[in-house]
Structures are given as C-alpha cells and as structure tokens.
C-alpha cells in the first residue's frame, strides 16, 4: 500500500473513499456492531447537485460474500458492500433502522 494512502479500516469500515453525509455514523451505529458483519466497504460517491440532508439506506441485494446497499443523501448516491454471513439479518436491521 502506498505511503499516505487513505486505505485503512475503522470499526470494520474500509476508508478508501469519502463517505456521504450521515453514512459514516449510520454504519458505525447500526452495521459495524453486528457480530455477523465482517467488513464494510463504501464505494465511490456519485455526487448530485443538491447537498444531502436526509440519509436513506436501502438493502439492494445479496452477493456471494454478503450484500450490496445503496445510500442516498440529497442527490448523492453511494454503494456500500457488506461482507456478512447473514445477509437476511442485515436486511432486517437496515429496514428497522429506516422506519420513522
């Protein structure tokens, strides 16, 4: 890994890319404490024109190693990949966290 690289992990979250507003706290509060979650890998941000305010996180689908999530804040969108042994348990946690 090159010196000065942003690649590191904190609370199971890989810090390679920036994270949209509110997503870091969401992941640290709801996802990283789960025993069945091994790793959280946020993807690149697709930046929109409006600043983000209301974070929405949605379970997209299961993958071979876990699950893919989509986070939206304003018009910015970010994929999040979660390595987990229990994608359905993760889906339930995300759905519960998004209820008002």
Protein backbone atom coordinates (compact mmCIF):
# COMPACT_ATOMS: atom_id res chain seq x y z
CA UNK A 1 0.00 0.00 0.00
CA UNK A 2 1.45 3.38 -0.97
CA UNK A 3 2.51 5.70 1.81
CA UNK A 4 -0.13 8.34 2.52
CA UNK A 5 -2.93 6.16 1.16
CA UNK A 6 -6.42 6.60 2.60
CA UNK A 7 -6.87 2.81 2.73
CA UNK A 8 -7.45 1.76 6.32
CA UNK A 9 -10.23 0.34 8.46
CA UNK A 10 -12.03 1.77 11.45
CA UNK A 11 -14.91 -0.12 13.11
CA UNK A 12 -14.91 -2.64 10.22
CA UNK A 13 -15.36 0.22 7.70
CA UNK A 14 -12.78 0.45 4.93
CA UNK A 15 -11.71 4.08 4.45
CA UNK A 16 -10.70 4.21 0.81
CA UNK A 17 -13.31 6.67 -0.49
CA UNK A 18 -15.13 9.58 1.05
CA UNK A 19 -18.48 8.80 2.65
CA UNK A 20 -21.66 10.80 2.05
CA UNK A 21 -23.05 12.93 4.85
CA UNK A 22 -24.51 10.85 7.67
CA UNK A 23 -23.49 7.47 6.25
CA UNK A 24 -20.41 7.03 8.46
CA UNK A 25 -22.43 7.44 11.66
CA UNK A 26 -25.18 5.16 10.30
CA UNK A 27 -22.66 2.40 9.52
CA UNK A 28 -20.91 2.77 12.91
CA UNK A 29 -24.21 2.81 14.83
CA UNK A 30 -26.25 0.12 13.07
CA UNK A 31 -23.98 -2.10 10.96
CA UNK A 32 -20.44 -2.41 12.37
CA UNK A 33 -21.57 -3.59 15.86
CA UNK A 34 -23.30 -6.63 14.32
CA UNK A 35 -21.39 -9.84 15.10
CA UNK A 36 -22.25 -11.34 11.70
CA UNK A 37 -20.72 -8.38 9.79
CA UNK A 38 -17.04 -8.84 8.94
CA UNK A 39 -16.32 -5.82 6.77
CA UNK A 40 -17.97 -2.72 5.27
CA UNK A 41 -16.69 -1.31 2.00
CA UNK A 42 -18.17 2.00 0.81
CA UNK A 43 -17.83 2.60 -2.94
CA UNK A 44 -17.28 5.81 -4.84
CA UNK A 45 -19.82 8.60 -4.48
CA UNK A 46 -21.98 9.68 -7.41
CA UNK A 47 -22.32 13.34 -6.45
CA UNK A 48 -25.53 15.17 -7.26
CA UNK A 49 -26.15 18.89 -7.48
CA UNK A 50 -28.02 19.35 -4.21
CA UNK A 51 -26.30 18.92 -0.85
CA UNK A 52 -27.53 15.91 1.08
CA UNK A 53 -29.69 16.17 4.14
CA UNK A 54 -31.92 13.13 4.59
CA UNK A 55 -29.91 9.93 4.51
CA UNK A 56 -31.73 6.85 3.25
CA UNK A 57 -30.05 3.45 3.25
CA UNK A 58 -31.61 0.61 1.31
CA UNK A 59 -30.73 -3.07 1.05
CA UNK A 60 -30.26 -3.71 -2.67
CA UNK A 61 -29.43 -7.44 -2.98
CA UNK A 62 -27.39 -10.35 -1.64
CA UNK A 63 -23.95 -11.04 -3.10
CA UNK A 64 -21.63 -14.04 -2.92
CA UNK A 65 -19.85 -12.53 0.10
CA UNK A 66 -22.73 -10.66 1.71
CA UNK A 67 -24.86 -7.75 0.50
CA UNK A 68 -24.96 -4.55 -1.50
CA UNK A 69 -26.58 -1.45 -0.01
CA UNK A 70 -27.46 1.88 -1.63
CA UNK A 71 -27.17 5.08 0.40
CA UNK A 72 -28.75 8.34 -0.77
CA UNK A 73 -28.33 11.78 0.74
CA UNK A 74 -29.93 14.55 -1.29
CA UNK A 75 -28.94 13.72 -4.86
CA UNK A 76 -25.68 11.97 -3.89
CA UNK A 77 -25.63 8.19 -4.13
CA UNK A 78 -23.11 5.69 -2.75
CA UNK A 79 -22.93 1.91 -2.95
CA UNK A 80 -21.86 0.05 0.17
CA UNK A 81 -20.73 -3.57 0.12
CA UNK A 82 -21.02 -5.54 3.35
CA UNK A 83 -19.21 -8.83 3.95
CA UNK A 84 -21.55 -10.83 6.15
CA UNK A 85 -22.56 -14.40 6.94
CA UNK A 86 -26.21 -13.32 7.39
CA UNK A 87 -27.49 -11.09 4.55
CA UNK A 88 -31.12 -11.55 5.65
CA UNK A 89 -30.29 -10.49 9.22
CA UNK A 90 -28.55 -7.41 7.80
CA UNK A 91 -31.59 -6.65 5.64
CA UNK A 92 -33.82 -6.73 8.72
CA UNK A 93 -31.55 -4.37 10.66
CA UNK A 94 -31.49 -1.88 7.78
CA UNK A 95 -35.25 -2.00 7.29
CA UNK A 96 -35.81 -1.48 11.05
CA UNK A 97 -33.37 1.46 11.13
CA UNK A 98 -35.19 3.28 8.30
CA UNK A 99 -38.61 3.24 9.97
CA UNK A 100 -39.72 6.61 11.30
